[in-house]
Amino acid sequence: MTVLEPQPPGIPAPVPGPHSEPYWDGCRQGELRFLRCDGCAAAQPKPTMLCRRCRGRSLSWTPSGGRGVLYSWTVVWRPQHPTFRVPYAPAIVDLDEGFSVLSAVVGCRPEDLAVDLAVAVEFHAISETITLPYFRPVTD
């Protein structure tokens, strides 16, 4: 039985920039963060300086509840880099706050993945400075 697992330390890591640093700081602290417009309350799907709905410039980092549903995924059996452990399942997760994230699913078999599968975030460090968010099926 193959169970999807987090990637081991040493995989290629993202490089935080000035606009994404609060996101990565949150991951390191076990908190999934996103930007919300202070004017219209729209969730922003990625770090930005301008609201995609109202074009407002006042945005605040907000903690997510970390729950959502699986929207789309694929299962990778041939790694793109030799340090990646297969299989892994990159996925798009629709979060309860109204935006989507690209991550990966862990804690289940590839054949258990399904549209609208309820998932919750969990965090796994790949280095001393980078912790990645993964999503695991909700069992409650």
Protein backbone atom coordinates (compact mmCIF):
# COMPACT_ATOMS: atom_id res chain seq x y z
CA MET A 1 0.00 0.00 0.00
CA THR A 2 1.55 3.29 -1.13
CA VAL A 3 0.83 6.28 1.12
CA LEU A 4 1.60 9.81 0.00
CA GLU A 5 4.23 11.39 2.26
CA PRO A 6 5.85 14.83 2.69
CA GLN A 7 9.06 15.39 0.76
CA PRO A 8 12.33 14.91 2.63
CA PRO A 9 14.67 17.75 3.55
CA GLY A 10 17.01 18.70 0.74
CA ILE A 11 14.52 19.10 -2.11
CA PRO A 12 14.78 22.33 -4.14
CA ALA A 13 13.40 25.06 -1.90
CA PRO A 14 11.45 28.20 -2.68
CA VAL A 15 13.28 31.50 -2.22
CA PRO A 16 11.13 33.97 -0.27
CA GLY A 17 11.02 37.49 -1.63
CA PRO A 18 10.12 40.72 0.15
CA HIS A 19 6.39 40.32 -0.63
CA SER A 20 6.16 36.62 0.30
CA GLU A 21 8.30 36.61 3.46
CA PRO A 22 5.27 36.90 5.83
CA TYR A 23 3.76 33.82 4.17
CA TRP A 24 6.93 31.75 4.72
CA ASP A 25 7.32 33.09 8.28
CA GLY A 26 3.78 31.87 8.96
CA CYS A 27 4.51 28.41 7.56
CA ARG A 28 7.56 28.15 9.79
CA GLN A 29 5.31 29.01 12.75
CA GLY A 30 2.63 26.48 11.72
CA GLU A 31 0.21 29.09 10.37
CA LEU A 32 -1.09 29.32 6.80
CA ARG A 33 -1.37 33.04 5.96
CA PHE A 34 -2.97 34.94 3.11
CA LEU A 35 -3.53 38.56 2.18
CA ARG A 36 -6.99 40.08 2.67
CA CYS A 37 -8.01 43.49 1.33
CA ASP A 38 -8.78 45.91 4.15
CA GLY A 39 -11.26 47.71 1.88
CA CYS A 40 -13.43 45.00 0.31
CA ALA A 41 -12.30 41.93 2.35
CA ALA A 42 -11.38 39.92 -0.76
CA ALA A 43 -8.84 37.15 -0.21
CA GLN A 44 -5.81 37.47 -2.45
CA PRO A 45 -4.54 34.22 -4.00
CA LYS A 46 -0.86 35.26 -3.95
CA PRO A 47 1.33 37.99 -2.50
CA THR A 48 0.47 41.26 -4.18
CA MET A 49 0.45 44.98 -3.53
CA LEU A 50 -2.97 45.59 -5.11
CA CYS A 51 -6.38 44.00 -4.44
CA ARG A 52 -7.52 42.00 -7.45
CA ARG A 53 -11.17 42.95 -6.80
CA CYS A 54 -11.24 46.66 -5.85
CA ARG A 55 -7.64 47.69 -6.65
CA GLY A 56 -7.20 48.83 -3.04
CA ARG A 57 -3.66 49.13 -1.74
CA SER A 58 -4.33 48.34 1.92
CA LEU A 59 -3.82 44.58 2.42
CA SER A 60 -3.22 42.64 5.64
CA TRP A 61 -1.74 39.20 6.27
CA THR A 62 -4.44 37.03 7.84
CA PRO A 63 -4.27 33.50 9.29
CA SER A 64 -6.27 30.88 7.42
CA GLY A 65 -8.22 28.16 9.20
CA GLY A 66 -6.27 25.78 6.96
CA ARG A 67 -9.28 23.76 5.82
CA GLY A 68 -10.69 23.25 2.38
CA VAL A 69 -11.46 20.74 -0.34
CA LEU A 70 -9.43 19.13 -3.07
CA TYR A 71 -10.17 20.75 -6.43
CA SER A 72 -7.61 19.13 -8.74
CA TRP A 73 -4.48 16.96 -8.51
CA THR A 74 -2.12 14.67 -10.30
CA VAL A 75 0.05 11.85 -9.03
CA VAL A 76 3.71 12.06 -10.00
CA TRP A 77 5.59 8.78 -10.43
CA ARG A 78 8.63 10.19 -12.30
CA PRO A 79 10.29 12.93 -10.22
CA GLN A 80 11.29 16.23 -11.79
CA HIS A 81 14.40 16.29 -9.59
CA PRO A 82 16.30 13.31 -8.17
CA THR A 83 15.77 14.42 -4.55
CA PHE A 84 11.97 14.12 -4.81
CA ARG A 85 10.42 10.98 -3.36
CA VAL A 86 7.64 9.40 -5.45
CA PRO A 87 4.76 9.15 -5.58
CA TYR A 88 3.66 12.64 -4.67
CA ALA A 89 0.43 14.44 -5.43
CA PRO A 90 0.61 18.14 -6.33
CA ALA A 91 -2.86 19.57 -5.85
CA ILE A 92 -5.02 22.65 -5.98
CA VAL A 93 -6.94 23.10 -2.73
CA ASP A 94 -9.93 25.43 -2.48
CA LEU A 95 -9.72 26.94 1.00
CA ASP A 96 -12.73 27.90 3.09
CA GLU A 97 -11.69 31.58 2.95
CA GLY A 98 -12.43 31.73 -0.80
CA PHE A 99 -9.09 31.28 -2.54
CA SER A 100 -7.01 28.38 -3.86
CA VAL A 101 -3.47 27.23 -3.11
CA LEU A 102 -1.10 24.92 -4.90
CA SER A 103 0.35 22.38 -2.50
CA ALA A 104 0.50 18.59 -2.20
CA VAL A 105 -1.65 15.96 -0.49
CA VAL A 106 -0.20 13.58 2.11
CA GLY A 107 -1.53 10.92 4.44
CA CYS A 108 -3.58 8.85 2.04
CA ARG A 109 -3.20 6.51 -0.92
CA PRO A 110 -3.23 8.00 -4.43
CA GLU A 111 -6.45 6.15 -5.23
CA ASP A 112 -8.20 7.85 -2.26
CA LEU A 113 -7.91 11.30 -3.88
CA ALA A 114 -11.25 12.68 -5.06
CA VAL A 115 -12.84 15.99 -5.99
CA ASP A 116 -14.20 17.76 -2.90
CA LEU A 117 -12.17 15.58 -0.50
CA ALA A 118 -12.06 17.54 2.78
CA VAL A 119 -8.47 18.40 3.73
CA ALA A 120 -6.60 20.32 6.41
CA VAL A 121 -3.14 21.90 6.33
CA GLU A 122 -0.09 20.52 8.10
CA PHE A 123 3.50 21.72 7.91
CA HIS A 124 6.81 19.95 7.23
CA ALA A 125 10.25 21.54 7.25
CA ILE A 126 12.57 20.91 4.30
CA SER A 127 15.37 23.08 5.67
CA GLU A 128 16.16 25.26 8.67
CA THR A 129 14.45 28.22 6.98
CA ILE A 130 11.70 26.73 4.79
CA THR A 131 8.61 24.86 5.98
CA LEU A 132 6.09 23.70 3.37
CA PRO A 133 2.32 23.45 3.78
CA TYR A 134 0.79 20.09 2.84
CA PHE A 135 -2.82 18.97 3.03
CA ARG A 136 -4.07 15.79 4.67
CA PRO A 137 -7.58 14.32 4.39
CA VAL A 138 -9.80 15.26 7.31
CA THR A 139 -10.95 12.22 9.26
CA ASP A 140 -13.38 13.86 11.71
